[in-house]
Structures are given as C-alpha cells and as structure tokens.
Amino acid sequence: MSGNYELYFVDVETTGLDFYKHSPIEISLIKLSNNDQKTWCLQPLDLNTIDSDALRINGHKLEDITHKTKFGRETYRDPKKVLIDIENWLLEDNLTSGERWLCGHNVAFDKYMLEFLWKKCGVEDAFPFSRKALDTMQVQLLLDLVNNTYSEAYSLNACLKKFGIKNEKAHSAAADIKATKELFLKQLSLLKK
C-alpha cells in the first residue's frame, strides 16, 4: 500500500455472536500489498458457552475444538500462543498498530471479536490494529446510493453474487476473506472511475 498504512483483510469464525462470552476459533488475515494470507485455528476460551448453531454454520466440530480428536489437538491451538504468532507475523510489515487497518465484510464484528480476544488473554494493550477499518458492506451501500440502485440484501453472499464472485467455502474464514478481498477490489475499481 502507498502511504503509511496497510490494509489487512480479516474474517473470524466464532463459538457464537456475543463478544463477552464467545470467542474466535478461526482467524484469517490477508495483507493486501503482497497477498500474503495466514489462517489460525484456536481453542475456545470458554467451553461452556459454545453455541451449537454457530458450529453448525461455520462447520467447526465440537469434538475437534475441544481436543477430543487427534485432528483437533493438532489444529486448534492455545489462543495466547496464536496471538503471539499473529503479532510476530504482523511485525514483518514494520508498521505500528495505528498504520494497520482492518478491512472486511461487517468488519466491526470481526474487529470487536479480536479486541475482546486480546483483552480476555490479558494483552489488550498489544492489540496490533488501528481503530480505522473499511467495511465492504458499507462500501456496497454507498455504491448503491451513488448509482441510485437497490440491493435486496447486503450479506457477503448477496454482495458476492452481485459481482459474480465465487466463494469456495462459505463460512470458512480462509475462504470468506479471499472472496471479501476480491469484492473490495471490484468495488474499488468502480469508485476509481
């Protein structure tokens, strides 16, 4: 990216929708300037608050995230160790947290889930992203307003469909974020006209 900032596309899959009691179990980030993508799977912070509907939607299995399977023990890591991995990966950009902007679809949800994760792990002061964020859902609403058009829905799936973008595996953070990045680039090209 030009200037003193970098866009990081983000998507999280969680154990539910409540920032206070649920937590991320999959985090995927893409650095826009070089298209580098990393995905991490995490153990839930609280096994007693897991929402079975959330798992049904995102496809993560209870027996895996609770380490009852070999796959689960190998895949879902201690959240505190994952945060260190994320922070170390981000350090490669030589930017401050204020220069890293998050971008996503309904990005406020992802951002709050991440902020609460850092807080619950006792390292809220180390949160590595800016307060600034770009939301592809809001960009689409703006495009519709400018072009005097109307969309029935602004879900990720509806916006992808509008641009003919295929999502390889909906509700997988790794796949959703690739599709979101492609959506943003198509939206950006319309705004540059």
C-alpha atoms as a PDB file:
ATOM      1  CA  MET A   1       0.000   0.000   0.000  1.00  0.00           C
ATOM      2  CA  SER A   2       1.128   3.517  -0.547  1.00  0.00           C
ATOM      3  CA  GLY A   3       1.324   5.928   2.356  1.00  0.00           C
ATOM      4  CA  ASN A   4       1.812   4.944   5.944  1.00  0.00           C
ATOM      5  CA  TYR A   5      -0.794   2.242   6.246  1.00  0.00           C
ATOM      6  CA  GLU A   6      -1.505  -1.325   5.213  1.00  0.00           C
ATOM      7  CA  LEU A   7      -4.886  -2.948   4.687  1.00  0.00           C
ATOM      8  CA  TYR A   8      -5.383  -6.326   6.317  1.00  0.00           C
ATOM      9  CA  PHE A   9      -8.484  -8.226   5.281  1.00  0.00           C
ATOM     10  CA  VAL A  10      -9.917 -10.146   8.223  1.00  0.00           C
ATOM     11  CA  ASP A  11     -12.535 -12.766   8.878  1.00  0.00           C
ATOM     12  CA  VAL A  12     -13.205 -14.743  12.033  1.00  0.00           C
ATOM     13  CA  GLU A  13     -15.361 -17.753  12.765  1.00  0.00           C
ATOM     14  CA  THR A  14     -16.535 -17.917  16.354  1.00  0.00           C
ATOM     15  CA  THR A  15     -18.282 -20.011  19.004  1.00  0.00           C
ATOM     16  CA  GLY A  16     -21.212 -17.570  18.891  1.00  0.00           C
ATOM     17  CA  LEU A  17     -22.175 -13.941  18.373  1.00  0.00           C
ATOM     18  CA  ASP A  18     -21.734 -12.498  21.883  1.00  0.00           C
ATOM     19  CA  PHE A  19     -18.430 -10.622  22.267  1.00  0.00           C
ATOM     20  CA  TYR A  20     -18.415 -11.179  26.013  1.00  0.00           C
ATOM     21  CA  LYS A  21     -18.968 -14.925  26.177  1.00  0.00           C
ATOM     22  CA  HIS A  22     -17.924 -16.276  22.762  1.00  0.00           C
ATOM     23  CA  SER A  23     -14.524 -16.293  21.094  1.00  0.00           C
ATOM     24  CA  PRO A  24     -12.831 -16.800  17.717  1.00  0.00           C
ATOM     25  CA  ILE A  25     -11.938 -20.342  16.714  1.00  0.00           C
ATOM     26  CA  GLU A  26     -10.636 -19.420  13.239  1.00  0.00           C
ATOM     27  CA  ILE A  27      -8.900 -16.195  12.227  1.00  0.00           C
ATOM     28  CA  SER A  28      -7.750 -15.457   8.706  1.00  0.00           C
ATOM     29  CA  LEU A  29      -5.843 -12.372   7.553  1.00  0.00           C
ATOM     30  CA  ILE A  30      -4.662 -11.257   4.119  1.00  0.00           C
ATOM     31  CA  LYS A  31      -2.109  -8.483   3.747  1.00  0.00           C
ATOM     32  CA  LEU A  32      -3.268  -6.547   0.677  1.00  0.00           C
ATOM     33  CA  SER A  33       0.122  -5.281  -0.531  1.00  0.00           C
ATOM     34  CA  ASN A  34       1.605  -8.748  -1.109  1.00  0.00           C
ATOM     35  CA  ASN A  35      -1.487 -11.002  -0.883  1.00  0.00           C
ATOM     36  CA  ASP A  36       0.118 -12.982   1.965  1.00  0.00           C
ATOM     37  CA  GLN A  37      -2.556 -14.956   3.820  1.00  0.00           C
ATOM     38  CA  LYS A  38      -2.369 -16.667   7.194  1.00  0.00           C
ATOM     39  CA  THR A  39      -5.065 -18.628   8.980  1.00  0.00           C
ATOM     40  CA  TRP A  40      -5.069 -19.800  12.590  1.00  0.00           C
ATOM     41  CA  CYS A  41      -7.423 -22.163  14.431  1.00  0.00           C
ATOM     42  CA  LEU A  42      -7.864 -21.602  18.159  1.00  0.00           C
ATOM     43  CA  GLN A  43      -9.263 -23.498  21.080  1.00  0.00           C
ATOM     44  CA  PRO A  44     -12.321 -21.753  22.522  1.00  0.00           C
ATOM     45  CA  LEU A  45     -11.625 -19.704  25.626  1.00  0.00           C
ATOM     46  CA  ASP A  46     -14.757 -20.993  27.377  1.00  0.00           C
ATOM     47  CA  LEU A  47     -16.040 -24.477  26.541  1.00  0.00           C
ATOM     48  CA  ASN A  48     -19.290 -23.831  28.433  1.00  0.00           C
ATOM     49  CA  THR A  49     -20.508 -21.052  26.133  1.00  0.00           C
ATOM     50  CA  ILE A  50     -20.132 -22.741  22.744  1.00  0.00           C
ATOM     51  CA  ASP A  51     -23.241 -22.186  20.623  1.00  0.00           C
ATOM     52  CA  SER A  52     -24.053 -25.318  18.612  1.00  0.00           C
ATOM     53  CA  ASP A  53     -25.792 -23.183  15.950  1.00  0.00           C
ATOM     54  CA  ALA A  54     -22.563 -21.247  15.365  1.00  0.00           C
ATOM     55  CA  LEU A  55     -20.667 -24.504  14.838  1.00  0.00           C
ATOM     56  CA  ARG A  56     -23.392 -25.800  12.523  1.00  0.00           C
ATOM     57  CA  ILE A  57     -22.997 -22.675  10.377  1.00  0.00           C
ATOM     58  CA  ASN A  58     -19.188 -22.435  10.351  1.00  0.00           C
ATOM     59  CA  GLY A  59     -18.551 -26.187  10.106  1.00  0.00           C
ATOM     60  CA  HIS A  60     -16.153 -26.472  13.035  1.00  0.00           C
ATOM     61  CA  LYS A  61     -16.768 -29.642  15.030  1.00  0.00           C
ATOM     62  CA  LEU A  62     -17.206 -29.647  18.807  1.00  0.00           C
ATOM     63  CA  GLU A  63     -15.060 -32.750  19.240  1.00  0.00           C
ATOM     64  CA  ASP A  64     -12.226 -31.053  17.316  1.00  0.00           C
ATOM     65  CA  ILE A  65     -12.262 -27.658  19.039  1.00  0.00           C
ATOM     66  CA  THR A  66     -12.422 -29.362  22.458  1.00  0.00           C
ATOM     67  CA  HIS A  67      -9.380 -31.549  21.596  1.00  0.00           C
ATOM     68  CA  LYS A  68     -11.243 -34.858  21.715  1.00  0.00           C
ATOM     69  CA  THR A  69      -9.759 -35.842  18.343  1.00  0.00           C
ATOM     70  CA  LYS A  70      -6.208 -36.087  17.081  1.00  0.00           C
ATOM     71  CA  PHE A  71      -7.079 -33.605  14.322  1.00  0.00           C
ATOM     72  CA  GLY A  72      -8.430 -31.178  16.907  1.00  0.00           C
ATOM     73  CA  ARG A  73      -5.337 -31.418  19.122  1.00  0.00           C
ATOM     74  CA  GLU A  74      -3.094 -30.783  16.113  1.00  0.00           C
ATOM     75  CA  THR A  75      -5.201 -27.961  14.641  1.00  0.00           C
ATOM     76  CA  TYR A  76      -6.800 -25.860  17.397  1.00  0.00           C
ATOM     77  CA  ARG A  77      -4.097 -24.096  19.384  1.00  0.00           C
ATOM     78  CA  ASP A  78      -3.898 -22.199  22.641  1.00  0.00           C
ATOM     79  CA  PRO A  79      -5.248 -18.685  21.918  1.00  0.00           C
ATOM     80  CA  LYS A  80      -2.389 -16.981  23.794  1.00  0.00           C
ATOM     81  CA  LYS A  81       0.153 -18.735  21.548  1.00  0.00           C
ATOM     82  CA  VAL A  82      -1.857 -17.845  18.443  1.00  0.00           C
ATOM     83  CA  LEU A  83      -1.866 -14.157  19.423  1.00  0.00           C
ATOM     84  CA  ILE A  84       1.931 -14.259  19.640  1.00  0.00           C
ATOM     85  CA  ASP A  85       2.072 -15.866  16.165  1.00  0.00           C
ATOM     86  CA  ILE A  86      -0.239 -13.199  14.746  1.00  0.00           C
ATOM     87  CA  GLU A  87       1.748 -10.367  16.300  1.00  0.00           C
ATOM     88  CA  ASN A  88       5.059 -11.820  15.057  1.00  0.00           C
ATOM     89  CA  TRP A  89       3.653 -12.228  11.529  1.00  0.00           C
ATOM     90  CA  LEU A  90       2.442  -8.630  11.575  1.00  0.00           C
ATOM     91  CA  LEU A  91       5.825  -7.314  12.718  1.00  0.00           C
ATOM     92  CA  GLU A  92       7.203  -8.182   9.261  1.00  0.00           C
ATOM     93  CA  ASP A  93       5.434  -5.106   7.854  1.00  0.00           C
ATOM     94  CA  ASN A  94       7.487  -2.710  10.060  1.00  0.00           C
ATOM     95  CA  LEU A  95       4.340  -0.688  10.816  1.00  0.00           C
ATOM     96  CA  THR A  96       2.752   0.469  14.031  1.00  0.00           C
ATOM     97  CA  SER A  97      -0.660  -0.783  15.083  1.00  0.00           C
ATOM     98  CA  GLY A  98      -2.102   2.601  14.049  1.00  0.00           C
ATOM     99  CA  GLU A  99      -0.877   2.013  10.487  1.00  0.00           C
ATOM    100  CA  ARG A 100      -2.652  -1.359  10.142  1.00  0.00           C
ATOM    101  CA  TRP A 101      -6.266  -1.011   9.023  1.00  0.00           C
ATOM    102  CA  LEU A 102      -8.714  -3.896   9.045  1.00  0.00           C
ATOM    103  CA  CYS A 103     -10.997  -4.476   6.094  1.00  0.00           C
ATOM    104  CA  GLY A 104     -13.808  -6.991   5.898  1.00  0.00           C
ATOM    105  CA  HIS A 105     -17.493  -7.588   5.413  1.00  0.00           C
ATOM    106  CA  ASN A 106     -19.348  -6.384   8.513  1.00  0.00           C
ATOM    107  CA  VAL A 107     -15.824  -5.800   9.815  1.00  0.00           C
ATOM    108  CA  ALA A 108     -16.990  -4.328  13.123  1.00  0.00           C
ATOM    109  CA  PHE A 109     -17.977  -7.827  14.261  1.00  0.00           C
ATOM    110  CA  ASP A 110     -14.553  -9.273  13.416  1.00  0.00           C
ATOM    111  CA  LYS A 111     -12.725  -6.318  14.942  1.00  0.00           C
ATOM    112  CA  TYR A 112     -14.672  -6.474  18.211  1.00  0.00           C
ATOM    113  CA  MET A 113     -14.193 -10.246  18.445  1.00  0.00           C
ATOM    114  CA  LEU A 114     -10.436  -9.743  18.023  1.00  0.00           C
ATOM    115  CA  GLU A 115     -10.289  -6.867  20.503  1.00  0.00           C
ATOM    116  CA  PHE A 116     -12.143  -8.949  23.092  1.00  0.00           C
ATOM    117  CA  LEU A 117      -9.825 -11.908  22.411  1.00  0.00           C
ATOM    118  CA  TRP A 118      -6.757  -9.772  23.132  1.00  0.00           C
ATOM    119  CA  LYS A 119      -8.488  -8.431  26.245  1.00  0.00           C
ATOM    120  CA  LYS A 120      -9.554 -11.879  27.509  1.00  0.00           C
ATOM    121  CA  CYS A 121      -5.975 -13.095  27.042  1.00  0.00           C
ATOM    122  CA  GLY A 122      -4.724 -10.184  29.175  1.00  0.00           C
ATOM    123  CA  VAL A 123      -2.822  -8.393  26.395  1.00  0.00           C
ATOM    124  CA  GLU A 124      -5.297  -5.725  25.281  1.00  0.00           C
ATOM    125  CA  ASP A 125      -2.537  -3.093  25.161  1.00  0.00           C
ATOM    126  CA  ALA A 126      -0.802  -5.151  22.465  1.00  0.00           C
ATOM    127  CA  PHE A 127      -3.780  -5.126  20.070  1.00  0.00           C
ATOM    128  CA  PRO A 128      -1.972  -4.793  16.708  1.00  0.00           C
ATOM    129  CA  PHE A 129      -4.556  -2.925  14.620  1.00  0.00           C
ATOM    130  CA  SER A 130      -5.779   0.639  14.222  1.00  0.00           C
ATOM    131  CA  ARG A 131      -9.225   1.918  15.089  1.00  0.00           C
ATOM    132  CA  LYS A 132      -9.638   2.592  11.365  1.00  0.00           C
ATOM    133  CA  ALA A 133     -11.492  -0.021   9.358  1.00  0.00           C
ATOM    134  CA  LEU A 134     -13.116  -0.397   5.957  1.00  0.00           C
ATOM    135  CA  ASP A 135     -16.331  -2.348   5.544  1.00  0.00           C
ATOM    136  CA  THR A 136     -17.255  -3.846   2.162  1.00  0.00           C
ATOM    137  CA  MET A 137     -20.909  -3.938   3.221  1.00  0.00           C
ATOM    138  CA  GLN A 138     -20.859  -0.161   3.773  1.00  0.00           C
ATOM    139  CA  VAL A 139     -18.939   0.376   0.529  1.00  0.00           C
ATOM    140  CA  GLN A 140     -21.691  -1.548  -1.305  1.00  0.00           C
ATOM    141  CA  LEU A 141     -24.383   0.555   0.316  1.00  0.00           C
ATOM    142  CA  LEU A 142     -22.521   3.696  -0.781  1.00  0.00           C
ATOM    143  CA  LEU A 143     -22.198   2.372  -4.342  1.00  0.00           C
ATOM    144  CA  ASP A 144     -25.927   1.671  -4.434  1.00  0.00           C
ATOM    145  CA  LEU A 145     -26.728   5.161  -3.145  1.00  0.00           C
ATOM    146  CA  VAL A 146     -24.417   6.843  -5.660  1.00  0.00           C
ATOM    147  CA  ASN A 147     -25.751   4.770  -8.548  1.00  0.00           C
ATOM    148  CA  ASN A 148     -29.377   5.029  -7.412  1.00  0.00           C
ATOM    149  CA  THR A 149     -29.647   1.233  -7.287  1.00  0.00           C
ATOM    150  CA  TYR A 150     -31.110  -1.074  -4.681  1.00  0.00           C
ATOM    151  CA  SER A 151     -29.968  -4.373  -3.209  1.00  0.00           C
ATOM    152  CA  GLU A 152     -32.338  -6.804  -1.509  1.00  0.00           C
ATOM    153  CA  ALA A 153     -29.596  -7.771   0.955  1.00  0.00           C
ATOM    154  CA  TYR A 154     -26.079  -6.770   1.917  1.00  0.00           C
ATOM    155  CA  SER A 155     -24.830 -10.100   3.244  1.00  0.00           C
ATOM    156  CA  LEU A 156     -21.467 -11.269   1.979  1.00  0.00           C
ATOM    157  CA  ASN A 157     -23.170 -13.845  -0.213  1.00  0.00           C
ATOM    158  CA  ALA A 158     -25.530 -11.245  -1.730  1.00  0.00           C
ATOM    159  CA  CYS A 159     -22.687  -8.821  -2.474  1.00  0.00           C
ATOM    160  CA  LEU A 160     -20.528 -11.558  -3.987  1.00  0.00           C
ATOM    161  CA  LYS A 161     -23.422 -12.649  -6.180  1.00  0.00           C
ATOM    162  CA  LYS A 162     -23.901  -9.080  -7.401  1.00  0.00           C
ATOM    163  CA  PHE A 163     -20.285  -9.057  -8.662  1.00  0.00           C
ATOM    164  CA  GLY A 164     -20.213 -12.672  -9.878  1.00  0.00           C
ATOM    165  CA  ILE A 165     -17.602 -13.695  -7.297  1.00  0.00           C
ATOM    166  CA  LYS A 166     -17.461 -17.320  -6.209  1.00  0.00           C
ATOM    167  CA  ASN A 167     -16.783 -18.229  -2.588  1.00  0.00           C
ATOM    168  CA  GLU A 168     -15.074 -21.612  -2.435  1.00  0.00           C
ATOM    169  CA  LYS A 169     -16.326 -22.453   1.087  1.00  0.00           C
ATOM    170  CA  ALA A 170     -18.769 -20.051   2.718  1.00  0.00           C
ATOM    171  CA  HIS A 171     -18.355 -19.579   6.479  1.00  0.00           C
ATOM    172  CA  SER A 172     -14.733 -20.631   6.398  1.00  0.00           C
ATOM    173  CA  ALA A 173     -12.638 -17.645   7.459  1.00  0.00           C
ATOM    174  CA  ALA A 174      -9.897 -18.561   4.968  1.00  0.00           C
ATOM    175  CA  ALA A 175     -12.314 -18.711   2.009  1.00  0.00           C
ATOM    176  CA  ASP A 176     -14.582 -15.848   3.085  1.00  0.00           C
ATOM    177  CA  ILE A 177     -11.660 -13.447   3.354  1.00  0.00           C
ATOM    178  CA  LYS A 178     -10.382 -14.268  -0.143  1.00  0.00           C
ATOM    179  CA  ALA A 179     -13.839 -13.555  -1.542  1.00  0.00           C
ATOM    180  CA  THR A 180     -14.122 -10.369   0.524  1.00  0.00           C
ATOM    181  CA  LYS A 181     -10.794  -9.112  -0.781  1.00  0.00           C
ATOM    182  CA  GLU A 182     -11.922  -9.762  -4.360  1.00  0.00           C
ATOM    183  CA  LEU A 183     -15.201  -7.949  -3.634  1.00  0.00           C
ATOM    184  CA  PHE A 184     -13.337  -4.940  -2.233  1.00  0.00           C
ATOM    185  CA  LEU A 185     -11.042  -4.734  -5.271  1.00  0.00           C
ATOM    186  CA  LYS A 186     -14.063  -4.798  -7.614  1.00  0.00           C
ATOM    187  CA  GLN A 187     -15.797  -2.131  -5.544  1.00  0.00           C
ATOM    188  CA  LEU A 188     -12.634  -0.036  -5.535  1.00  0.00           C
ATOM    189  CA  SER A 189     -12.363  -0.242  -9.324  1.00  0.00           C
ATOM    190  CA  LEU A 190     -15.910   1.198  -9.600  1.00  0.00           C
ATOM    191  CA  LEU A 191     -15.047   4.028  -7.214  1.00  0.00           C
ATOM    192  CA  LYS A 192     -11.925   4.923  -9.220  1.00  0.00           C
ATOM    193  CA  LYS A 193     -13.927   5.520 -12.407  1.00  0.00           C
END
